[in-house]
Protein backbone atom coordinates (compact mmCIF):
# COMPACT_ATOMS: atom_id res chain seq x y z
CA LEU A 1 -8.02 30.86 3.55
CA LEU A 2 -6.77 31.81 0.03
CA GLY A 3 -6.45 35.48 0.78
CA ASP A 4 -5.57 37.37 -2.44
CA SER A 5 -4.44 34.19 -4.09
CA SER A 6 -6.45 31.60 -6.02
CA THR A 7 -3.90 28.75 -5.54
CA VAL A 8 -2.37 26.80 -2.54
CA SER A 9 1.43 26.35 -3.14
CA SER A 10 1.97 24.08 -0.25
CA VAL A 11 0.60 22.78 3.19
CA THR A 12 2.51 21.33 6.06
CA LEU A 13 1.04 19.61 8.96
CA ALA A 14 3.19 19.78 12.20
CA GLY A 15 6.19 20.49 9.67
CA ILE A 16 5.49 17.58 7.46
CA SER A 17 4.64 18.23 3.72
CA SER A 18 1.05 17.17 2.89
CA GLN A 19 -0.48 16.69 -0.51
CA VAL A 20 -3.21 19.14 -1.45
CA GLN A 21 -6.20 17.41 -2.95
CA SER A 22 -8.59 20.47 -3.34
CA SER A 23 -9.04 24.06 -2.19
CA THR A 24 -11.58 26.74 -2.12
CA ALA A 25 -11.67 30.07 -0.26
CA THR A 26 -13.10 28.20 2.95
CA GLN A 27 -11.65 24.87 2.81
CA ILE A 28 -8.37 23.09 1.77
CA VAL A 29 -8.38 19.32 1.74
CA VAL A 30 -4.95 17.64 2.11
CA VAL A 31 -3.46 14.10 2.61
CA ALA A 32 -1.25 14.14 5.62
CA GLY A 33 2.36 13.27 4.99
CA VAL A 34 3.45 9.95 6.40
CA ILE A 35 5.65 9.91 9.43
CA SER A 36 6.17 7.39 12.20
CA VAL A 37 5.67 8.69 15.74
CA THR A 38 5.90 6.84 19.05
CA ALA A 39 3.72 9.32 20.92
CA PRO A 40 1.20 11.84 19.67
CA PHE A 41 2.95 14.84 18.02
CA VAL A 42 1.29 18.32 17.84
CA GLY A 43 2.31 20.97 15.49
CA ASP A 44 1.18 23.96 13.32
CA VAL A 45 -0.97 23.94 10.12
CA ASP A 46 1.13 26.13 7.59
CA ILE A 47 -0.54 27.06 4.34
CA THR A 48 1.68 28.88 1.77
CA LEU A 49 -0.10 30.41 -1.20
CA ALA A 50 1.17 30.97 -4.67
CA ASN A 51 1.39 34.64 -4.14
CA GLY A 52 3.77 34.09 -1.07
CA GLN A 53 1.20 34.77 1.60
CA GLU A 54 1.20 32.35 4.49
CA VAL A 55 -1.52 31.26 6.86
CA ILE A 56 -0.46 29.54 10.01
CA GLY A 57 -2.70 27.97 12.66
CA GLU A 58 -0.70 27.08 15.78
CA ASN A 59 -0.88 23.65 17.18
CA LEU A 60 -3.91 22.63 15.20
CA PHE A 61 -2.79 19.17 13.97
CA THR A 62 -1.73 15.98 15.86
CA TYR A 63 -0.05 13.05 14.28
CA GLN A 64 -1.14 10.09 16.13
CA VAL A 65 0.66 6.73 16.80
CA ALA A 66 -0.35 4.47 13.88
CA GLY A 67 -2.66 1.51 14.42
CA ALA A 68 -1.33 -1.99 14.38
CA ILE A 69 -2.75 -5.44 13.68
CA ASN A 70 -1.58 -7.91 16.29
CA SER A 71 -3.36 -11.12 14.96
CA VAL A 72 -5.53 -12.44 12.18
CA VAL A 73 -7.32 -15.62 13.06
CA PRO A 74 -7.51 -17.79 11.00
CA SER A 75 -4.82 -16.38 8.70
CA SER A 76 -5.89 -18.55 5.71
CA GLY A 77 -9.18 -19.81 4.45
CA HIS A 78 -11.49 -19.62 1.45
CA GLY A 79 -14.41 -17.32 0.55
CA GLY A 80 -17.03 -17.24 3.45
CA THR A 81 -14.51 -17.77 6.13
CA ARG A 82 -15.22 -15.73 9.39
CA VAL A 83 -12.01 -13.95 10.30
CA THR A 84 -11.12 -12.03 13.52
CA ILE A 85 -8.59 -9.18 13.21
CA THR A 86 -7.26 -7.78 16.71
CA GLY A 87 -4.91 -4.94 17.34
CA THR A 88 -4.70 -1.31 18.52
CA SER A 89 -6.23 1.80 16.95
CA LEU A 90 -7.69 -0.15 14.09
CA GLN A 91 -10.01 2.66 13.19
CA GLY A 92 -7.12 4.90 12.35
CA HIS A 93 -8.10 7.50 15.04
CA GLY A 94 -11.30 7.91 13.17
CA ALA A 95 -14.92 6.99 14.05
CA ASP A 96 -15.35 3.96 11.67
CA ILE A 97 -13.57 1.31 9.53
CA THR A 98 -15.03 1.64 6.14
CA THR A 99 -13.15 -1.40 4.13
CA VAL A 100 -11.24 -4.43 4.85
CA THR A 101 -9.17 -6.36 2.38
CA LEU A 102 -7.59 -9.74 2.93
CA ALA A 103 -4.80 -10.60 0.45
CA GLY A 104 -6.52 -7.88 -1.84
CA VAL A 105 -9.94 -9.47 -1.67
CA SER A 106 -12.70 -7.37 -0.17
CA ALA A 107 -14.19 -8.79 3.03
CA SER A 108 -17.56 -8.06 4.56
CA ILE A 109 -17.42 -6.37 7.97
CA THR A 110 -19.79 -7.85 10.39
CA SER A 111 -18.55 -6.30 13.71
CA LYS A 112 -15.94 -3.51 14.48
CA SER A 113 -14.34 -1.58 17.33
CA ASP A 114 -10.91 0.08 17.80
CA THR A 115 -9.36 -3.24 18.92
CA GLN A 116 -11.25 -6.03 17.04
CA VAL A 117 -12.71 -6.42 13.64
CA LEU A 118 -14.85 -9.39 12.48
CA VAL A 119 -15.22 -10.01 8.76
CA VAL A 120 -16.25 -12.73 6.26
CA ALA A 121 -13.70 -13.33 3.55
CA GLY A 122 -14.73 -12.64 -0.10
CA ALA A 123 -14.39 -15.24 -2.74
CA ASN A 124 -11.16 -15.36 -4.74
CA ALA A 125 -10.23 -18.02 -7.52
CA LEU A 126 -6.55 -17.05 -7.52
CA SER A 127 -5.61 -18.17 -4.03
CA PRO A 128 -3.45 -15.14 -3.29
CA THR A 129 -1.30 -14.48 -0.12
CA GLY A 130 -1.17 -10.89 0.72
CA ASP A 131 -1.78 -7.87 3.17
CA VAL A 132 -4.51 -7.36 5.53
CA VAL A 133 -5.81 -3.79 5.02
CA LEU A 134 -8.27 -1.88 7.20
CA THR A 135 -9.31 1.56 5.76
CA ALA A 136 -10.75 4.14 8.14
CA ASP A 137 -13.27 6.98 7.62
CA THR A 138 -10.33 9.36 7.94
CA GLY A 139 -8.49 7.64 5.02
CA ALA A 140 -5.86 6.11 7.37
CA THR A 141 -4.96 2.53 6.88
CA VAL A 142 -3.73 -0.12 9.27
CA VAL A 143 -1.74 -2.91 7.35
CA LEU A 144 -0.36 -6.19 8.32
CA ALA A 145 1.93 -7.24 5.47
CA ASP A 146 1.34 -10.84 4.23
CA GLY A 147 -1.22 -11.42 6.91
CA ALA A 148 -3.79 -13.41 4.99
CA ALA A 149 -4.34 -16.10 2.42
CA VAL A 150 -7.71 -16.55 0.71
CA ASN A 151 -8.29 -19.64 -1.42
């Protein structure tokens, strides 16, 4: 992938700038740039090297519609509370949900699918109110702002 260069200058996915995390002669790891789409959007992978060479793969990346959390029941509780989170594409178009936080407090996942996640709230002495954040194995996050309070 790096041709005669040892450095990646930039990578775009479907025309959107992405952040290069690491690169070798055979693999480049990037974090996709954030865009909002209402339908899947397919585009080229364009790698520009420091020496000016360009490597293009046509129609190799698809931006998917972001997941959404529709409900959190109950939306408040204390450590040990069982919480049901429902929505769409909760796995962030990946195969798994790896972490869940409720108002910044890690929760234990007991069951998960692309439309429903069951968790047990972790303990927190500060009684915060905050976001519900699901993180997928792809690194994608699905967030409901101010969706939980843990006492």
